[in-house]
Amino acid sequence: MARRGRRRLVVPGAERAMEAFKAEVMRRQGYHVDPSRPNDVKYEVARSIGVPLKPGDNGDLTTESAGQVGGQIGGAMVREMIRLAQEQLARQPRP
């Protein structure tokens, strides 16, 4: 069964920060990101990997194709979060 609607983040109010984080990460990856519409970067990512994602209904899109787009974005975000966590750990004083 397909999921409908938006996912909710665990921390209330974190949506804006996550969208800004996504925009920054994808900008560093070389994609053009409109700061007022950071979610639209998914269309540019899709275009770059040959996935026919379009605004509106994408019912004809395979799960694999949708996953390729999400994986490009999510993977880049996770790698950046790990890098930031490693930096933070490296800065902590050792006992």
N, C-alpha and C. Protein backbone atom coordinates (compact mmCIF):
# COMPACT_ATOMS: atom_id res chain seq x y z
N MET A 1 0.84 -1.18 0.00
CA MET A 1 0.00 0.00 0.00
C MET A 1 0.88 1.25 0.00
N ALA A 2 0.61 2.16 -0.87
CA ALA A 2 1.41 3.38 -1.00
C ALA A 2 1.12 4.34 0.14
N ARG A 3 2.14 5.06 0.52
CA ARG A 3 1.96 6.09 1.54
C ARG A 3 1.37 7.33 0.91
N ARG A 4 0.50 7.95 1.60
CA ARG A 4 -0.09 9.20 1.11
C ARG A 4 0.20 10.30 2.11
N GLY A 5 0.38 11.50 1.59
CA GLY A 5 0.60 12.66 2.47
C GLY A 5 2.06 12.83 2.81
N ARG A 6 2.32 13.83 3.60
CA ARG A 6 3.69 14.16 3.98
C ARG A 6 4.11 13.39 5.21
N ARG A 7 5.37 13.09 5.28
CA ARG A 7 5.92 12.49 6.48
C ARG A 7 6.04 13.57 7.54
N ARG A 8 5.94 13.17 8.77
CA ARG A 8 6.10 14.13 9.86
C ARG A 8 7.43 13.86 10.55
N LEU A 9 8.15 14.91 10.83
CA LEU A 9 9.41 14.79 11.54
C LEU A 9 9.12 14.62 13.03
N VAL A 10 10.02 13.96 13.74
CA VAL A 10 9.84 13.71 15.16
C VAL A 10 9.86 15.01 15.96
N VAL A 11 10.71 15.94 15.55
CA VAL A 11 10.84 17.21 16.26
C VAL A 11 9.90 18.22 15.61
N PRO A 12 8.87 18.67 16.36
CA PRO A 12 7.95 19.66 15.78
C PRO A 12 8.69 20.93 15.38
N GLY A 13 8.36 21.44 14.21
CA GLY A 13 8.96 22.68 13.75
C GLY A 13 10.30 22.50 13.04
N ALA A 14 10.76 21.26 12.88
CA ALA A 14 12.06 21.02 12.26
C ALA A 14 12.00 21.03 10.74
N GLU A 15 10.81 21.13 10.18
CA GLU A 15 10.66 21.05 8.73
C GLU A 15 11.49 22.09 7.99
N ARG A 16 11.43 23.32 8.46
CA ARG A 16 12.19 24.39 7.78
C ARG A 16 13.68 24.13 7.80
N ALA A 17 14.16 23.70 8.94
CA ALA A 17 15.60 23.44 9.07
C ALA A 17 16.02 22.28 8.18
N MET A 18 15.19 21.25 8.08
CA MET A 18 15.51 20.11 7.23
C MET A 18 15.48 20.50 5.76
N GLU A 19 14.54 21.34 5.38
CA GLU A 19 14.48 21.81 3.99
C GLU A 19 15.71 22.65 3.65
N ALA A 20 16.13 23.49 4.59
CA ALA A 20 17.34 24.31 4.38
C ALA A 20 18.57 23.42 4.29
N PHE A 21 18.62 22.39 5.13
CA PHE A 21 19.74 21.45 5.11
C PHE A 21 19.79 20.72 3.77
N LYS A 22 18.63 20.25 3.30
CA LYS A 22 18.55 19.56 2.01
C LYS A 22 19.03 20.49 0.89
N ALA A 23 18.57 21.73 0.93
CA ALA A 23 18.95 22.69 -0.11
C ALA A 23 20.46 22.90 -0.12
N GLU A 24 21.06 23.04 1.05
CA GLU A 24 22.50 23.27 1.12
C GLU A 24 23.29 22.05 0.64
N VAL A 25 22.87 20.88 1.08
CA VAL A 25 23.56 19.65 0.68
C VAL A 25 23.48 19.47 -0.83
N MET A 26 22.31 19.65 -1.40
CA MET A 26 22.13 19.44 -2.84
C MET A 26 22.84 20.54 -3.65
N ARG A 27 22.91 21.73 -3.10
CA ARG A 27 23.66 22.81 -3.77
C ARG A 27 25.14 22.42 -3.84
N ARG A 28 25.66 21.86 -2.74
CA ARG A 28 27.05 21.42 -2.72
C ARG A 28 27.29 20.26 -3.69
N GLN A 29 26.25 19.50 -3.98
CA GLN A 29 26.35 18.39 -4.94
C GLN A 29 26.32 18.90 -6.38
N GLY A 30 26.08 20.21 -6.55
CA GLY A 30 26.11 20.79 -7.88
C GLY A 30 24.75 21.02 -8.51
N TYR A 31 23.69 20.82 -7.76
CA TYR A 31 22.35 21.04 -8.29
C TYR A 31 21.90 22.47 -8.02
N HIS A 32 21.09 23.01 -8.93
CA HIS A 32 20.50 24.32 -8.71
C HIS A 32 19.33 24.15 -7.76
N VAL A 33 19.32 24.91 -6.68
CA VAL A 33 18.25 24.81 -5.69
C VAL A 33 17.65 26.19 -5.50
N ASP A 34 16.35 26.30 -5.74
CA ASP A 34 15.63 27.54 -5.49
C ASP A 34 15.35 27.59 -3.98
N PRO A 35 15.93 28.57 -3.26
CA PRO A 35 15.75 28.64 -1.80
C PRO A 35 14.28 28.71 -1.37
N SER A 36 13.44 29.24 -2.22
CA SER A 36 12.02 29.32 -1.84
C SER A 36 11.28 28.01 -2.13
N ARG A 37 11.91 27.11 -2.89
CA ARG A 37 11.28 25.82 -3.23
C ARG A 37 12.32 24.69 -3.21
N PRO A 38 12.92 24.42 -2.04
CA PRO A 38 14.00 23.42 -1.99
C PRO A 38 13.55 22.02 -2.38
N ASN A 39 12.29 21.69 -2.23
CA ASN A 39 11.81 20.36 -2.60
C ASN A 39 11.85 20.13 -4.10
N ASP A 40 11.85 21.19 -4.88
CA ASP A 40 11.85 21.05 -6.33
C ASP A 40 13.18 20.52 -6.87
N VAL A 41 14.20 20.43 -6.02
CA VAL A 41 15.48 19.89 -6.47
C VAL A 41 15.30 18.44 -6.92
N LYS A 42 14.27 17.77 -6.43
CA LYS A 42 14.04 16.37 -6.82
C LYS A 42 13.82 16.24 -8.32
N TYR A 43 13.23 17.26 -8.96
CA TYR A 43 13.02 17.20 -10.40
C TYR A 43 14.34 17.30 -11.16
N GLU A 44 15.24 18.13 -10.65
CA GLU A 44 16.55 18.26 -11.29
C GLU A 44 17.35 16.97 -11.10
N VAL A 45 17.28 16.40 -9.90
CA VAL A 45 17.97 15.14 -9.65
C VAL A 45 17.41 14.06 -10.57
N ALA A 46 16.09 13.99 -10.67
CA ALA A 46 15.44 12.99 -11.53
C ALA A 46 15.89 13.15 -12.98
N ARG A 47 15.91 14.38 -13.45
CA ARG A 47 16.34 14.65 -14.83
C ARG A 47 17.78 14.17 -15.05
N SER A 48 18.63 14.44 -14.06
CA SER A 48 20.05 14.10 -14.22
C SER A 48 20.30 12.59 -14.26
N ILE A 49 19.40 11.79 -13.68
CA ILE A 49 19.59 10.34 -13.69
C ILE A 49 18.61 9.64 -14.63
N GLY A 50 17.87 10.44 -15.40
CA GLY A 50 16.99 9.86 -16.41
C GLY A 50 15.67 9.31 -15.91
N VAL A 51 15.18 9.83 -14.79
CA VAL A 51 13.89 9.39 -14.25
C VAL A 51 12.83 10.41 -14.64
N PRO A 52 11.73 9.98 -15.24
CA PRO A 52 10.71 10.91 -15.72
C PRO A 52 9.76 11.41 -14.61
N LEU A 53 10.31 12.00 -13.57
CA LEU A 53 9.51 12.55 -12.48
C LEU A 53 8.93 13.89 -12.92
N LYS A 54 7.68 14.11 -12.60
CA LYS A 54 7.03 15.38 -12.98
C LYS A 54 6.13 15.83 -11.82
N PRO A 55 5.84 17.11 -11.75
CA PRO A 55 4.91 17.58 -10.72
C PRO A 55 3.54 16.92 -10.91
N GLY A 56 2.89 16.64 -9.81
CA GLY A 56 1.57 16.01 -9.89
C GLY A 56 1.66 14.51 -9.77
N ASP A 57 0.78 13.83 -10.46
CA ASP A 57 0.66 12.39 -10.36
C ASP A 57 1.81 11.68 -11.07
N ASN A 58 2.47 10.81 -10.35
CA ASN A 58 3.55 10.01 -10.92
C ASN A 58 3.24 8.53 -10.74
N GLY A 59 1.96 8.19 -10.85
CA GLY A 59 1.52 6.82 -10.64
C GLY A 59 2.15 5.83 -11.59
N ASP A 60 2.64 6.29 -12.72
CA ASP A 60 3.28 5.39 -13.69
C ASP A 60 4.77 5.18 -13.40
N LEU A 61 5.29 5.89 -12.40
CA LEU A 61 6.70 5.79 -12.05
C LEU A 61 6.91 4.52 -11.23
N THR A 62 7.96 3.78 -11.55
CA THR A 62 8.22 2.55 -10.79
C THR A 62 8.79 2.90 -9.42
N THR A 63 8.64 1.97 -8.50
CA THR A 63 9.20 2.15 -7.16
C THR A 63 10.71 2.31 -7.24
N GLU A 64 11.32 1.56 -8.13
CA GLU A 64 12.76 1.64 -8.30
C GLU A 64 13.20 3.03 -8.75
N SER A 65 12.47 3.60 -9.71
CA SER A 65 12.81 4.94 -10.20
C SER A 65 12.64 5.99 -9.11
N ALA A 66 11.53 5.91 -8.39
CA ALA A 66 11.30 6.86 -7.30
C ALA A 66 12.39 6.71 -6.24
N GLY A 67 12.80 5.47 -5.97
CA GLY A 67 13.84 5.23 -4.99
C GLY A 67 15.19 5.76 -5.42
N GLN A 68 15.43 5.75 -6.72
CA GLN A 68 16.70 6.30 -7.22
C GLN A 68 16.79 7.79 -6.93
N VAL A 69 15.68 8.50 -7.12
CA VAL A 69 15.67 9.94 -6.86
C VAL A 69 15.82 10.20 -5.37
N GLY A 70 14.99 9.52 -4.57
CA GLY A 70 15.07 9.69 -3.12
C GLY A 70 16.41 9.27 -2.56
N GLY A 71 16.98 8.23 -3.14
CA GLY A 71 18.28 7.75 -2.67
C GLY A 71 19.40 8.74 -2.93
N GLN A 72 19.34 9.40 -4.08
CA GLN A 72 20.36 10.42 -4.40
C GLN A 72 20.31 11.54 -3.36
N ILE A 73 19.10 11.99 -3.06
CA ILE A 73 18.94 13.12 -2.13
C ILE A 73 19.20 12.66 -0.69
N GLY A 74 18.52 11.60 -0.28
CA GLY A 74 18.67 11.11 1.09
C GLY A 74 20.08 10.64 1.39
N GLY A 75 20.69 9.97 0.43
CA GLY A 75 22.06 9.49 0.63
C GLY A 75 23.02 10.64 0.85
N ALA A 76 22.87 11.69 0.07
CA ALA A 76 23.74 12.86 0.23
C ALA A 76 23.52 13.52 1.59
N MET A 77 22.27 13.57 2.02
CA MET A 77 21.97 14.17 3.32
C MET A 77 22.54 13.34 4.46
N VAL A 78 22.41 12.02 4.38
CA VAL A 78 22.94 11.14 5.43
C VAL A 78 24.47 11.24 5.48
N ARG A 79 25.13 11.22 4.32
CA ARG A 79 26.59 11.36 4.32
C ARG A 79 27.02 12.66 4.99
N GLU A 80 26.29 13.75 4.71
CA GLU A 80 26.62 15.04 5.32
C GLU A 80 26.38 15.02 6.83
N MET A 81 25.29 14.38 7.27
CA MET A 81 25.03 14.29 8.71
C MET A 81 26.12 13.49 9.41
N ILE A 82 26.57 12.42 8.80
CA ILE A 82 27.65 11.62 9.39
C ILE A 82 28.93 12.44 9.47
N ARG A 83 29.23 13.19 8.41
CA ARG A 83 30.43 14.03 8.41
C ARG A 83 30.37 15.06 9.53
N LEU A 84 29.20 15.70 9.68
CA LEU A 84 29.04 16.70 10.74
C LEU A 84 29.17 16.07 12.12
N ALA A 85 28.61 14.89 12.32
CA ALA A 85 28.70 14.21 13.61
C ALA A 85 30.15 13.83 13.92
N GLN A 86 30.88 13.36 12.91
CA GLN A 86 32.28 13.01 13.12
C GLN A 86 33.11 14.24 13.49
N GLU A 87 32.82 15.36 12.84
CA GLU A 87 33.52 16.61 13.20
C GLU A 87 33.24 17.00 14.64
N GLN A 88 31.97 16.90 15.02
CA GLN A 88 31.57 17.27 16.38
C GLN A 88 32.25 16.35 17.40
N LEU A 89 32.29 15.06 17.12
CA LEU A 89 32.96 14.13 18.03
C LEU A 89 34.45 14.40 18.14
N ALA A 90 35.06 14.77 17.03
CA ALA A 90 36.50 15.06 17.02
C ALA A 90 36.83 16.29 17.85
N ARG A 91 35.89 17.22 17.96
CA ARG A 91 36.11 18.46 18.72
C ARG A 91 35.91 18.27 20.22
N GLN A 92 35.25 17.19 20.61
CA GLN A 92 34.98 16.98 22.04
C GLN A 92 36.26 16.61 22.78
N PRO A 93 36.43 17.18 23.97
CA PRO A 93 37.61 16.81 24.75
C PRO A 93 37.55 15.34 25.18
N ARG A 94 38.68 14.71 25.19
CA ARG A 94 38.76 13.29 25.59
C ARG A 94 39.05 13.21 27.07
N PRO A 95 38.43 12.27 27.77
CA PRO A 95 38.68 12.12 29.22
C PRO A 95 40.03 11.59 29.54
